[in-house]
Amino acid sequence: MSQNKTQPTALSPEDFLDGVTPEVRRSDGKRLLSFFSDVTGYVPRMWGESIIGYGRYHYVYDSGREGDFLATGFSPRKASLSIYIMPGYRDYTDILNRLGKHKRGKSCLYVTRLSQIDLNVLAELIRAGLRDLDAVWPVHPD
């Protein structure tokens, strides 16, 4: 059975962020690095070449496919920050309506700048996502 393409790596999140461009993405990424650590209590770890993850969970699907993946995290992409926080087990519309300017994907948010969102609401969303994920697949510190 195939493995996830995105696996933990030995790269330092700090070293990765030092090379991020443009500057606004690097600055917001460094802010998120400590923010996620404070909110989750987990140590950051690189997943693949560009995702900083916090915590991990092991899944086993009905098909028999299984693996490990980051519980929450982010990636400072050129166009926006990708924030991986919603496991898809609950409707987060009420929280998202209070977040500020964002776009939504299936299990992530796209934010152009941290200054456009309410970080207290983001913290609430991260905690809700982790709680809901943990109810289905137990979340562990990485």
C-alpha atoms as a PDB file:
ATOM      1  CA  MET A   1       0.000   0.000   0.000  1.00  0.00           C
ATOM      2  CA  SER A   2       1.308   3.479  -0.834  1.00  0.00           C
ATOM      3  CA  GLN A   3       2.445   5.928   1.819  1.00  0.00           C
ATOM      4  CA  ASN A   4       1.502   9.576   2.172  1.00  0.00           C
ATOM      5  CA  LYS A   5       3.677  11.802   0.029  1.00  0.00           C
ATOM      6  CA  THR A   6       3.973  14.216   2.964  1.00  0.00           C
ATOM      7  CA  GLN A   7       6.214  12.727   5.654  1.00  0.00           C
ATOM      8  CA  PRO A   8       8.049  14.224   8.651  1.00  0.00           C
ATOM      9  CA  THR A   9      11.564  15.454   7.857  1.00  0.00           C
ATOM     10  CA  ALA A  10      14.632  16.465   9.855  1.00  0.00           C
ATOM     11  CA  LEU A  11      14.611  20.016   8.473  1.00  0.00           C
ATOM     12  CA  SER A  12      14.342  22.699  11.142  1.00  0.00           C
ATOM     13  CA  PRO A  13      11.148  24.807  10.919  1.00  0.00           C
ATOM     14  CA  GLU A  14      13.226  27.871  11.820  1.00  0.00           C
ATOM     15  CA  ASP A  15      15.698  27.204   8.996  1.00  0.00           C
ATOM     16  CA  PHE A  16      12.837  26.647   6.566  1.00  0.00           C
ATOM     17  CA  LEU A  17      11.184  29.929   7.549  1.00  0.00           C
ATOM     18  CA  ASP A  18      14.457  31.830   7.170  1.00  0.00           C
ATOM     19  CA  GLY A  19      14.325  31.027   3.439  1.00  0.00           C
ATOM     20  CA  VAL A  20      10.668  31.909   2.855  1.00  0.00           C
ATOM     21  CA  THR A  21       9.824  34.737   0.451  1.00  0.00           C
ATOM     22  CA  PRO A  22       8.278  37.246   0.255  1.00  0.00           C
ATOM     23  CA  GLU A  23       9.171  38.929   3.548  1.00  0.00           C
ATOM     24  CA  VAL A  24       5.531  39.246   4.673  1.00  0.00           C
ATOM     25  CA  ARG A  25       5.153  35.442   4.378  1.00  0.00           C
ATOM     26  CA  ARG A  26       8.390  34.886   6.337  1.00  0.00           C
ATOM     27  CA  SER A  27       7.319  37.324   9.059  1.00  0.00           C
ATOM     28  CA  ASP A  28       3.808  35.870   9.370  1.00  0.00           C
ATOM     29  CA  GLY A  29       5.272  32.354   9.287  1.00  0.00           C
ATOM     30  CA  LYS A  30       7.605  33.111  12.188  1.00  0.00           C
ATOM     31  CA  ARG A  31       4.689  34.558  14.119  1.00  0.00           C
ATOM     32  CA  LEU A  32       2.598  31.439  13.447  1.00  0.00           C
ATOM     33  CA  LEU A  33       5.492  29.203  14.505  1.00  0.00           C
ATOM     34  CA  SER A  34       5.270  30.371  18.112  1.00  0.00           C
ATOM     35  CA  PHE A  35       1.502  30.952  17.976  1.00  0.00           C
ATOM     36  CA  PHE A  36       0.754  27.318  17.084  1.00  0.00           C
ATOM     37  CA  SER A  37       3.204  26.110  19.751  1.00  0.00           C
ATOM     38  CA  ASP A  38       1.465  28.251  22.365  1.00  0.00           C
ATOM     39  CA  VAL A  39      -2.040  27.183  21.308  1.00  0.00           C
ATOM     40  CA  THR A  40      -1.344  23.449  20.909  1.00  0.00           C
ATOM     41  CA  GLY A  41       1.449  22.868  23.410  1.00  0.00           C
ATOM     42  CA  TYR A  42       3.201  20.809  20.712  1.00  0.00           C
ATOM     43  CA  VAL A  43       6.693  21.164  19.271  1.00  0.00           C
ATOM     44  CA  PRO A  44       6.756  22.108  15.561  1.00  0.00           C
ATOM     45  CA  ARG A  45       8.106  19.671  13.009  1.00  0.00           C
ATOM     46  CA  MET A  46       8.537  19.902   9.258  1.00  0.00           C
ATOM     47  CA  TRP A  47       6.307  17.693   7.156  1.00  0.00           C
ATOM     48  CA  GLY A  48       7.600  17.487   3.623  1.00  0.00           C
ATOM     49  CA  GLU A  49       9.493  20.486   2.313  1.00  0.00           C
ATOM     50  CA  SER A  50       7.053  23.246   3.225  1.00  0.00           C
ATOM     51  CA  ILE A  51       4.522  22.330   5.941  1.00  0.00           C
ATOM     52  CA  ILE A  52       5.118  22.988   9.626  1.00  0.00           C
ATOM     53  CA  GLY A  53       3.061  20.544  11.655  1.00  0.00           C
ATOM     54  CA  TYR A  54       2.056  20.200  15.287  1.00  0.00           C
ATOM     55  CA  GLY A  55       1.073  16.854  16.739  1.00  0.00           C
ATOM     56  CA  ARG A  56       0.336  13.719  14.797  1.00  0.00           C
ATOM     57  CA  TYR A  57      -2.414  11.172  14.449  1.00  0.00           C
ATOM     58  CA  HIS A  58      -2.570   7.655  13.059  1.00  0.00           C
ATOM     59  CA  TYR A  59      -5.499   6.799  10.803  1.00  0.00           C
ATOM     60  CA  VAL A  60      -6.848   3.531   9.444  1.00  0.00           C
ATOM     61  CA  TYR A  61      -9.480   3.762   6.715  1.00  0.00           C
ATOM     62  CA  ASP A  62     -12.107   1.113   5.969  1.00  0.00           C
ATOM     63  CA  SER A  63     -10.127   0.357   2.794  1.00  0.00           C
ATOM     64  CA  GLY A  64      -7.206  -0.767   4.961  1.00  0.00           C
ATOM     65  CA  ARG A  65      -5.048   2.218   4.060  1.00  0.00           C
ATOM     66  CA  GLU A  66      -3.334   3.638   7.124  1.00  0.00           C
ATOM     67  CA  GLY A  67      -0.697   6.155   8.000  1.00  0.00           C
ATOM     68  CA  ASP A  68       0.345   9.103  10.119  1.00  0.00           C
ATOM     69  CA  PHE A  69      -0.281  12.755   9.455  1.00  0.00           C
ATOM     70  CA  LEU A  70       0.136  16.114  11.151  1.00  0.00           C
ATOM     71  CA  ALA A  71      -2.739  17.095  13.430  1.00  0.00           C
ATOM     72  CA  THR A  72      -2.575  20.801  12.633  1.00  0.00           C
ATOM     73  CA  GLY A  73      -0.121  23.247  11.103  1.00  0.00           C
ATOM     74  CA  PHE A  74       0.568  25.733   8.360  1.00  0.00           C
ATOM     75  CA  SER A  75       2.590  26.520   5.283  1.00  0.00           C
ATOM     76  CA  PRO A  76       3.682  30.006   4.191  1.00  0.00           C
ATOM     77  CA  ARG A  77       3.008  29.716   0.451  1.00  0.00           C
ATOM     78  CA  LYS A  78       3.834  32.564  -1.927  1.00  0.00           C
ATOM     79  CA  ALA A  79       0.216  33.601  -2.525  1.00  0.00           C
ATOM     80  CA  SER A  80      -1.096  33.061   1.005  1.00  0.00           C
ATOM     81  CA  LEU A  81      -0.705  31.242   4.277  1.00  0.00           C
ATOM     82  CA  SER A  82      -2.233  27.769   4.170  1.00  0.00           C
ATOM     83  CA  ILE A  83      -3.480  26.858   7.641  1.00  0.00           C
ATOM     84  CA  TYR A  84      -4.355  23.190   8.187  1.00  0.00           C
ATOM     85  CA  ILE A  85      -6.832  23.079  11.049  1.00  0.00           C
ATOM     86  CA  MET A  86     -10.222  21.650  10.154  1.00  0.00           C
ATOM     87  CA  PRO A  87     -10.528  17.863  10.149  1.00  0.00           C
ATOM     88  CA  GLY A  88     -13.911  17.987   8.422  1.00  0.00           C
ATOM     89  CA  TYR A  89     -15.925  16.324  11.182  1.00  0.00           C
ATOM     90  CA  ARG A  90     -17.910  19.377  12.209  1.00  0.00           C
ATOM     91  CA  ASP A  91     -19.278  22.592  10.770  1.00  0.00           C
ATOM     92  CA  TYR A  92     -17.071  25.506  11.865  1.00  0.00           C
ATOM     93  CA  THR A  93     -19.157  28.216  10.182  1.00  0.00           C
ATOM     94  CA  ASP A  94     -19.907  30.068  13.442  1.00  0.00           C
ATOM     95  CA  ILE A  95     -16.205  30.380  14.281  1.00  0.00           C
ATOM     96  CA  LEU A  96     -15.184  31.150  10.692  1.00  0.00           C
ATOM     97  CA  ASN A  97     -17.725  33.984  10.506  1.00  0.00           C
ATOM     98  CA  ARG A  98     -15.767  35.725  13.273  1.00  0.00           C
ATOM     99  CA  LEU A  99     -12.268  34.995  11.906  1.00  0.00           C
ATOM    100  CA  GLY A 100     -11.826  37.789   9.382  1.00  0.00           C
ATOM    101  CA  LYS A 101     -10.723  37.721   5.752  1.00  0.00           C
ATOM    102  CA  HIS A 102     -10.002  34.180   4.566  1.00  0.00           C
ATOM    103  CA  LYS A 103     -10.804  31.613   1.911  1.00  0.00           C
ATOM    104  CA  ARG A 104     -11.659  28.058   2.766  1.00  0.00           C
ATOM    105  CA  GLY A 105     -10.569  24.746   1.311  1.00  0.00           C
ATOM    106  CA  LYS A 106     -11.703  21.270   2.338  1.00  0.00           C
ATOM    107  CA  SER A 107      -9.565  21.102   5.483  1.00  0.00           C
ATOM    108  CA  CYS A 108      -7.579  24.314   5.397  1.00  0.00           C
ATOM    109  CA  LEU A 109      -7.811  28.071   5.365  1.00  0.00           C
ATOM    110  CA  TYR A 110      -6.051  30.487   3.062  1.00  0.00           C
ATOM    111  CA  VAL A 111      -5.107  33.792   4.656  1.00  0.00           C
ATOM    112  CA  THR A 112      -3.262  36.566   2.830  1.00  0.00           C
ATOM    113  CA  ARG A 113      -1.967  38.305   5.974  1.00  0.00           C
ATOM    114  CA  LEU A 114      -2.282  37.584   9.678  1.00  0.00           C
ATOM    115  CA  SER A 115      -3.223  41.222  10.202  1.00  0.00           C
ATOM    116  CA  GLN A 116      -6.519  40.481   8.396  1.00  0.00           C
ATOM    117  CA  ILE A 117      -7.738  37.874  10.897  1.00  0.00           C
ATOM    118  CA  ASP A 118      -8.495  37.688  14.617  1.00  0.00           C
ATOM    119  CA  LEU A 119      -5.811  35.499  16.206  1.00  0.00           C
ATOM    120  CA  ASN A 120      -8.012  34.775  19.238  1.00  0.00           C
ATOM    121  CA  VAL A 121     -10.605  33.290  16.892  1.00  0.00           C
ATOM    122  CA  LEU A 122      -7.874  31.352  15.056  1.00  0.00           C
ATOM    123  CA  ALA A 123      -6.762  29.888  18.405  1.00  0.00           C
ATOM    124  CA  GLU A 124     -10.366  28.868  19.118  1.00  0.00           C
ATOM    125  CA  LEU A 125     -10.568  27.211  15.693  1.00  0.00           C
ATOM    126  CA  ILE A 126      -7.283  25.330  16.166  1.00  0.00           C
ATOM    127  CA  ARG A 127      -8.443  23.992  19.541  1.00  0.00           C
ATOM    128  CA  ALA A 128     -11.845  22.969  18.126  1.00  0.00           C
ATOM    129  CA  GLY A 129     -10.205  21.220  15.173  1.00  0.00           C
ATOM    130  CA  LEU A 130      -7.791  19.314  17.409  1.00  0.00           C
ATOM    131  CA  ARG A 131     -10.582  18.317  19.796  1.00  0.00           C
ATOM    132  CA  ASP A 132     -12.748  17.022  16.946  1.00  0.00           C
ATOM    133  CA  LEU A 133      -9.854  15.202  15.274  1.00  0.00           C
ATOM    134  CA  ASP A 134      -8.868  13.601  18.590  1.00  0.00           C
ATOM    135  CA  ALA A 135     -12.403  12.251  18.990  1.00  0.00           C
ATOM    136  CA  VAL A 136     -11.972  10.257  15.752  1.00  0.00           C
ATOM    137  CA  TRP A 137      -8.209   9.624  15.573  1.00  0.00           C
ATOM    138  CA  PRO A 138      -6.265  10.216  18.824  1.00  0.00           C
ATOM    139  CA  VAL A 139      -3.797  13.104  18.528  1.00  0.00           C
ATOM    140  CA  HIS A 140      -0.316  12.699  20.013  1.00  0.00           C
ATOM    141  CA  PRO A 141       2.603  15.069  20.463  1.00  0.00           C
ATOM    142  CA  ASP A 142       5.084  14.499  17.674  1.00  0.00           C
END
